[in-house]
Each structure stands twice: as structure tokens, then as C-alpha cells.
Amino acid sequence: MKVLVDANLCEGCGPCEEVCPEVFRIVDNLARVIADPVPPESEGACRQAVESCPTNAISVVEE
């Protein structure tokens, strides 16, 4: 599983990093993916992070 962050939609508000810090970091007010692909043990938290994004800036790419 991979995730993508749309920089045009991201506001850097941080729920993704709070829910899944092993995959997301806020850098310069934007969410960045730091684990590509997402480790299998982090997939559940990562999906929660996607759902928690208020601007729908994060999308899942199934491989």
C-alpha cells in the first residue's frame, strides 16, 4: 500500500501525523509521506489517517 498527499489540498493541520506518525510528518506546513510503501503493520493506522484528513488531501494507492 502507498499513500499520496496532494500538496494543493494539504493545509498541514496534522491529524495524519497524530494518527500515524510512522508514515506522516508535517514539514514546512505540509504533510509528507516518510514510509513508502506503508509498512503492513501501519496500514490500519494509515487508513485512519486518510479518513481523518479534513481536506481529503491524502489518497491510498493499492499495489
PDB file of N, CA and C in Angstrom:
ATOM      1  N   MET A   1       0.844  -1.179   0.000  1.00  0.00           N
ATOM      2  CA  MET A   1       0.000   0.000   0.000  1.00  0.00           C
ATOM      3  C   MET A   1       0.889   1.242   0.000  1.00  0.00           C
ATOM      4  N   LYS A   2       0.484   2.210  -0.788  1.00  0.00           N
ATOM      5  CA  LYS A   2       1.158   3.503  -0.817  1.00  0.00           C
ATOM      6  C   LYS A   2       0.124   4.588  -0.561  1.00  0.00           C
ATOM      7  N   VAL A   3       0.598   5.739  -0.102  1.00  0.00           N
ATOM      8  CA  VAL A   3      -0.271   6.889   0.065  1.00  0.00           C
ATOM      9  C   VAL A   3       0.368   8.097  -0.600  1.00  0.00           C
ATOM     10  N   LEU A   4      -0.480   8.970  -1.081  1.00  0.00           N
ATOM     11  CA  LEU A   4      -0.038  10.202  -1.722  1.00  0.00           C
ATOM     12  C   LEU A   4      -0.699  11.383  -1.033  1.00  0.00           C
ATOM     13  N   VAL A   5       0.039  12.471  -0.922  1.00  0.00           N
ATOM     14  CA  VAL A   5      -0.502  13.708  -0.356  1.00  0.00           C
ATOM     15  C   VAL A   5      -0.555  14.748  -1.474  1.00  0.00           C
ATOM     16  N   ASP A   6      -1.728  15.306  -1.702  1.00  0.00           N
ATOM     17  CA  ASP A   6      -1.900  16.371  -2.686  1.00  0.00           C
ATOM     18  C   ASP A   6      -1.526  17.697  -2.019  1.00  0.00           C
ATOM     19  N   ALA A   7      -0.382  18.240  -2.412  1.00  0.00           N
ATOM     20  CA  ALA A   7       0.119  19.485  -1.806  1.00  0.00           C
ATOM     21  C   ALA A   7      -0.818  20.665  -2.046  1.00  0.00           C
ATOM     22  N   ASN A   8      -1.633  20.587  -3.084  1.00  0.00           N
ATOM     23  CA  ASN A   8      -2.582  21.667  -3.358  1.00  0.00           C
ATOM     24  C   ASN A   8      -3.760  21.669  -2.389  1.00  0.00           C
ATOM     25  N   LEU A   9      -4.041  20.512  -1.796  1.00  0.00           N
ATOM     26  CA  LEU A   9      -5.153  20.404  -0.851  1.00  0.00           C
ATOM     27  C   LEU A   9      -4.703  20.416   0.604  1.00  0.00           C
ATOM     28  N   CYS A  10      -3.486  19.976   0.864  1.00  0.00           N
ATOM     29  CA  CYS A  10      -2.997  19.845   2.234  1.00  0.00           C
ATOM     30  C   CYS A  10      -2.831  21.215   2.891  1.00  0.00           C
ATOM     31  N   GLU A  11      -3.328  21.302   4.129  1.00  0.00           N
ATOM     32  CA  GLU A  11      -3.185  22.529   4.913  1.00  0.00           C
ATOM     33  C   GLU A  11      -2.205  22.352   6.065  1.00  0.00           C
ATOM     34  N   GLY A  12      -1.628  21.159   6.185  1.00  0.00           N
ATOM     35  CA  GLY A  12      -0.649  20.904   7.242  1.00  0.00           C
ATOM     36  C   GLY A  12      -1.230  20.934   8.638  1.00  0.00           C
ATOM     37  N   CYS A  13      -2.501  20.599   8.764  1.00  0.00           N
ATOM     38  CA  CYS A  13      -3.165  20.691  10.069  1.00  0.00           C
ATOM     39  C   CYS A  13      -2.762  19.579  11.031  1.00  0.00           C
ATOM     40  N   GLY A  14      -2.268  18.455  10.521  1.00  0.00           N
ATOM     41  CA  GLY A  14      -1.625  17.473  11.366  1.00  0.00           C
ATOM     42  C   GLY A  14      -2.337  16.240  11.855  1.00  0.00           C
ATOM     43  N   PRO A  15      -3.631  16.019  11.604  1.00  0.00           N
ATOM     44  CA  PRO A  15      -4.235  14.785  12.108  1.00  0.00           C
ATOM     45  C   PRO A  15      -3.544  13.520  11.589  1.00  0.00           C
ATOM     46  N   CYS A  16      -3.069  13.562  10.372  1.00  0.00           N
ATOM     47  CA  CYS A  16      -2.407  12.374   9.818  1.00  0.00           C
ATOM     48  C   CYS A  16      -1.172  12.003  10.634  1.00  0.00           C
ATOM     49  N   GLU A  17      -0.373  12.994  10.991  1.00  0.00           N
ATOM     50  CA  GLU A  17       0.825  12.738  11.782  1.00  0.00           C
ATOM     51  C   GLU A  17       0.466  12.267  13.191  1.00  0.00           C
ATOM     52  N   GLU A  18      -0.603  12.800  13.754  1.00  0.00           N
ATOM     53  CA  GLU A  18      -1.035  12.385  15.091  1.00  0.00           C
ATOM     54  C   GLU A  18      -1.495  10.933  15.098  1.00  0.00           C
ATOM     55  N   VAL A  19      -2.239  10.536  14.065  1.00  0.00           N
ATOM     56  CA  VAL A  19      -2.800   9.188  13.989  1.00  0.00           C
ATOM     57  C   VAL A  19      -1.760   8.164  13.540  1.00  0.00           C
ATOM     58  N   CYS A  20      -0.876   8.562  12.630  1.00  0.00           N
ATOM     59  CA  CYS A  20       0.070   7.605  12.039  1.00  0.00           C
ATOM     60  C   CYS A  20       1.451   8.245  11.835  1.00  0.00           C
ATOM     61  N   PRO A  21       2.152   8.515  12.932  1.00  0.00           N
ATOM     62  CA  PRO A  21       3.460   9.188  12.822  1.00  0.00           C
ATOM     63  C   PRO A  21       4.536   8.354  12.139  1.00  0.00           C
ATOM     64  N   GLU A  22       4.318   7.054  12.029  1.00  0.00           N
ATOM     65  CA  GLU A  22       5.295   6.224  11.340  1.00  0.00           C
ATOM     66  C   GLU A  22       5.233   6.376   9.824  1.00  0.00           C
ATOM     67  N   VAL A  23       4.179   7.034   9.316  1.00  0.00           N
ATOM     68  CA  VAL A  23       4.027   7.236   7.872  1.00  0.00           C
ATOM     69  C   VAL A  23       4.036   8.712   7.490  1.00  0.00           C
ATOM     70  N   PHE A  24       3.541   9.592   8.357  1.00  0.00           N
ATOM     71  CA  PHE A  24       3.402  11.002   8.003  1.00  0.00           C
ATOM     72  C   PHE A  24       4.204  11.915   8.924  1.00  0.00           C
ATOM     73  N   ARG A  25       4.741  12.984   8.355  1.00  0.00           N
ATOM     74  CA  ARG A  25       5.386  14.068   9.102  1.00  0.00           C
ATOM     75  C   ARG A  25       4.918  15.383   8.486  1.00  0.00           C
ATOM     76  N   ILE A  26       4.696  16.367   9.342  1.00  0.00           N
ATOM     77  CA  ILE A  26       4.395  17.709   8.860  1.00  0.00           C
ATOM     78  C   ILE A  26       5.732  18.435   8.728  1.00  0.00           C
ATOM     79  N   VAL A  27       6.037  18.874   7.515  1.00  0.00           N
ATOM     80  CA  VAL A  27       7.278  19.588   7.210  1.00  0.00           C
ATOM     81  C   VAL A  27       6.910  20.825   6.406  1.00  0.00           C
ATOM     82  N   ASP A  28       7.337  21.970   6.878  1.00  0.00           N
ATOM     83  CA  ASP A  28       7.027  23.233   6.187  1.00  0.00           C
ATOM     84  C   ASP A  28       5.532  23.380   5.918  1.00  0.00           C
ATOM     85  N   ASN A  29       4.726  23.022   6.928  1.00  0.00           N
ATOM     86  CA  ASN A  29       3.269  23.158   6.872  1.00  0.00           C
ATOM     87  C   ASN A  29       2.586  22.287   5.829  1.00  0.00           C
ATOM     88  N   LEU A  30       3.234  21.189   5.453  1.00  0.00           N
ATOM     89  CA  LEU A  30       2.620  20.215   4.555  1.00  0.00           C
ATOM     90  C   LEU A  30       2.895  18.816   5.075  1.00  0.00           C
ATOM     91  N   ALA A  31       1.930  17.920   4.889  1.00  0.00           N
ATOM     92  CA  ALA A  31       2.147  16.521   5.251  1.00  0.00           C
ATOM     93  C   ALA A  31       3.076  15.885   4.230  1.00  0.00           C
ATOM     94  N   ARG A  32       4.003  15.112   4.731  1.00  0.00           N
ATOM     95  CA  ARG A  32       4.948  14.372   3.877  1.00  0.00           C
ATOM     96  C   ARG A  32       4.851  12.897   4.235  1.00  0.00           C
ATOM     97  N   VAL A  33       4.943  12.049   3.229  1.00  0.00           N
ATOM     98  CA  VAL A  33       4.964  10.605   3.436  1.00  0.00           C
ATOM     99  C   VAL A  33       6.409  10.217   3.699  1.00  0.00           C
ATOM    100  N   ILE A  34       6.651   9.583   4.842  1.00  0.00           N
ATOM    101  CA  ILE A  34       8.020   9.190   5.186  1.00  0.00           C
ATOM    102  C   ILE A  34       8.231   7.680   5.109  1.00  0.00           C
ATOM    103  N   ALA A  35       7.183   6.934   4.766  1.00  0.00           N
ATOM    104  CA  ALA A  35       7.295   5.483   4.613  1.00  0.00           C
ATOM    105  C   ALA A  35       6.622   5.081   3.309  1.00  0.00           C
ATOM    106  N   ASP A  36       7.421   4.657   2.359  1.00  0.00           N
ATOM    107  CA  ASP A  36       6.897   4.299   1.042  1.00  0.00           C
ATOM    108  C   ASP A  36       7.570   3.014   0.597  1.00  0.00           C
ATOM    109  N   PRO A  37       6.862   1.908   0.583  1.00  0.00           N
ATOM    110  CA  PRO A  37       5.440   1.745   0.873  1.00  0.00           C
ATOM    111  C   PRO A  37       5.160   1.768   2.376  1.00  0.00           C
ATOM    112  N   VAL A  38       3.878   1.823   2.693  1.00  0.00           N
ATOM    113  CA  VAL A  38       3.447   1.811   4.090  1.00  0.00           C
ATOM    114  C   VAL A  38       3.724   0.420   4.660  1.00  0.00           C
ATOM    115  N   PRO A  39       4.398   0.346   5.802  1.00  0.00           N
ATOM    116  CA  PRO A  39       4.632  -0.968   6.412  1.00  0.00           C
ATOM    117  C   PRO A  39       3.300  -1.672   6.709  1.00  0.00           C
ATOM    118  N   PRO A  40       3.229  -2.974   6.494  1.00  0.00           N
ATOM    119  CA  PRO A  40       1.965  -3.697   6.723  1.00  0.00           C
ATOM    120  C   PRO A  40       1.379  -3.471   8.108  1.00  0.00           C
ATOM    121  N   GLU A  41       2.221  -3.381   9.137  1.00  0.00           N
ATOM    122  CA  GLU A  41       1.713  -3.191  10.493  1.00  0.00           C
ATOM    123  C   GLU A  41       1.148  -1.788  10.717  1.00  0.00           C
ATOM    124  N   SER A  42       1.381  -0.867   9.788  1.00  0.00           N
ATOM    125  CA  SER A  42       0.890   0.506   9.917  1.00  0.00           C
ATOM    126  C   SER A  42      -0.300   0.804   9.009  1.00  0.00           C
ATOM    127  N   GLU A  43      -0.732  -0.179   8.232  1.00  0.00           N
ATOM    128  CA  GLU A  43      -1.799   0.074   7.267  1.00  0.00           C
ATOM    129  C   GLU A  43      -3.108   0.512   7.914  1.00  0.00           C
ATOM    130  N   GLY A  44      -3.486  -0.097   9.028  1.00  0.00           N
ATOM    131  CA  GLY A  44      -4.732   0.283   9.706  1.00  0.00           C
ATOM    132  C   GLY A  44      -4.698   1.727  10.174  1.00  0.00           C
ATOM    133  N   ALA A  45      -3.607   2.108  10.845  1.00  0.00           N
ATOM    134  CA  ALA A  45      -3.470   3.492  11.316  1.00  0.00           C
ATOM    135  C   ALA A  45      -3.394   4.450  10.140  1.00  0.00           C
ATOM    136  N   CYS A  46      -2.753   4.027   9.075  1.00  0.00           N
ATOM    137  CA  CYS A  46      -2.636   4.885   7.895  1.00  0.00           C
ATOM    138  C   CYS A  46      -4.015   5.144   7.282  1.00  0.00           C
ATOM    139  N   ARG A  47      -4.837   4.117   7.207  1.00  0.00           N
ATOM    140  CA  ARG A  47      -6.198   4.310   6.683  1.00  0.00           C
ATOM    141  C   ARG A  47      -6.999   5.250   7.582  1.00  0.00           C
ATOM    142  N   GLN A  48      -6.795   5.161   8.884  1.00  0.00           N
ATOM    143  CA  GLN A  48      -7.453   6.092   9.814  1.00  0.00           C
ATOM    144  C   GLN A  48      -6.972   7.517   9.553  1.00  0.00           C
ATOM    145  N   ALA A  49      -5.680   7.663   9.273  1.00  0.00           N
ATOM    146  CA  ALA A  49      -5.126   8.988   8.983  1.00  0.00           C
ATOM    147  C   ALA A  49      -5.746   9.562   7.715  1.00  0.00           C
ATOM    148  N   VAL A  50      -5.919   8.723   6.706  1.00  0.00           N
ATOM    149  CA  VAL A  50      -6.555   9.171   5.461  1.00  0.00           C
ATOM    150  C   VAL A  50      -7.963   9.673   5.761  1.00  0.00           C
ATOM    151  N   GLU A  51      -8.704   8.915   6.552  1.00  0.00           N
ATOM    152  CA  GLU A  51     -10.078   9.292   6.907  1.00  0.00           C
ATOM    153  C   GLU A  51     -10.114  10.559   7.760  1.00  0.00           C
ATOM    154  N   SER A  52      -9.065  10.805   8.541  1.00  0.00           N
ATOM    155  CA  SER A  52      -9.057  11.960   9.441  1.00  0.00           C
ATOM    156  C   SER A  52      -8.677  13.267   8.744  1.00  0.00           C
ATOM    157  N   CYS A  53      -8.214  13.186   7.510  1.00  0.00           N
ATOM    158  CA  CYS A  53      -7.787  14.389   6.803  1.00  0.00           C
ATOM    159  C   CYS A  53      -8.992  15.259   6.443  1.00  0.00           C
ATOM    160  N   PRO A  54      -9.093  16.462   7.017  1.00  0.00           N
ATOM    161  CA  PRO A  54     -10.264  17.303   6.768  1.00  0.00           C
ATOM    162  C   PRO A  54     -10.345  17.879   5.364  1.00  0.00           C
ATOM    163  N   THR A  55      -9.240  17.867   4.640  1.00  0.00           N
ATOM    164  CA  THR A  55      -9.258  18.408   3.277  1.00  0.00           C
ATOM    165  C   THR A  55      -9.202  17.317   2.209  1.00  0.00           C
ATOM    166  N   ASN A  56      -9.235  16.066   2.628  1.00  0.00           N
ATOM    167  CA  ASN A  56      -9.163  14.920   1.699  1.00  0.00           C
ATOM    168  C   ASN A  56      -7.930  14.997   0.799  1.00  0.00           C
ATOM    169  N   ALA A  57      -6.809  15.420   1.395  1.00  0.00           N
ATOM    170  CA  ALA A  57      -5.568  15.583   0.636  1.00  0.00           C
ATOM    171  C   ALA A  57      -4.784  14.288   0.482  1.00  0.00           C
ATOM    172  N   ILE A  58      -5.156  13.248   1.233  1.00  0.00           N
ATOM    173  CA  ILE A  58      -4.398  12.003   1.213  1.00  0.00           C
ATOM    174  C   ILE A  58      -5.202  10.933   0.489  1.00  0.00           C
ATOM    175  N   SER A  59      -4.548  10.222  -0.412  1.00  0.00           N
ATOM    176  CA  SER A  59      -5.202   9.140  -1.118  1.00  0.00           C
ATOM    177  C   SER A  59      -4.371   7.865  -0.998  1.00  0.00           C
ATOM    178  N   VAL A  60      -5.059   6.746  -1.009  1.00  0.00           N
ATOM    179  CA  VAL A  60      -4.417   5.430  -0.932  1.00  0.00           C
ATOM    180  C   VAL A  60      -4.243   4.885  -2.333  1.00  0.00           C
ATOM    181  N   VAL A  61      -3.071   4.334  -2.584  1.00  0.00           N
ATOM    182  CA  VAL A  61      -2.782   3.673  -3.855  1.00  0.00           C
ATOM    183  C   VAL A  61      -2.494   2.209  -3.521  1.00  0.00           C
ATOM    184  N   GLU A  62      -3.430   1.333  -3.886  1.00  0.00           N
ATOM    185  CA  GLU A  62      -3.237  -0.098  -3.641  1.00  0.00           C
ATOM    186  C   GLU A  62      -2.320  -0.661  -4.704  1.00  0.00           C
ATOM    187  N   GLU A  63      -1.431  -1.527  -4.255  1.00  0.00           N
ATOM    188  CA  GLU A  63      -0.494  -2.138  -5.220  1.00  0.00           C
ATOM    189  C   GLU A  63      -0.911  -3.549  -5.529  1.00  0.00           C
TER     190      GLU A  63
END
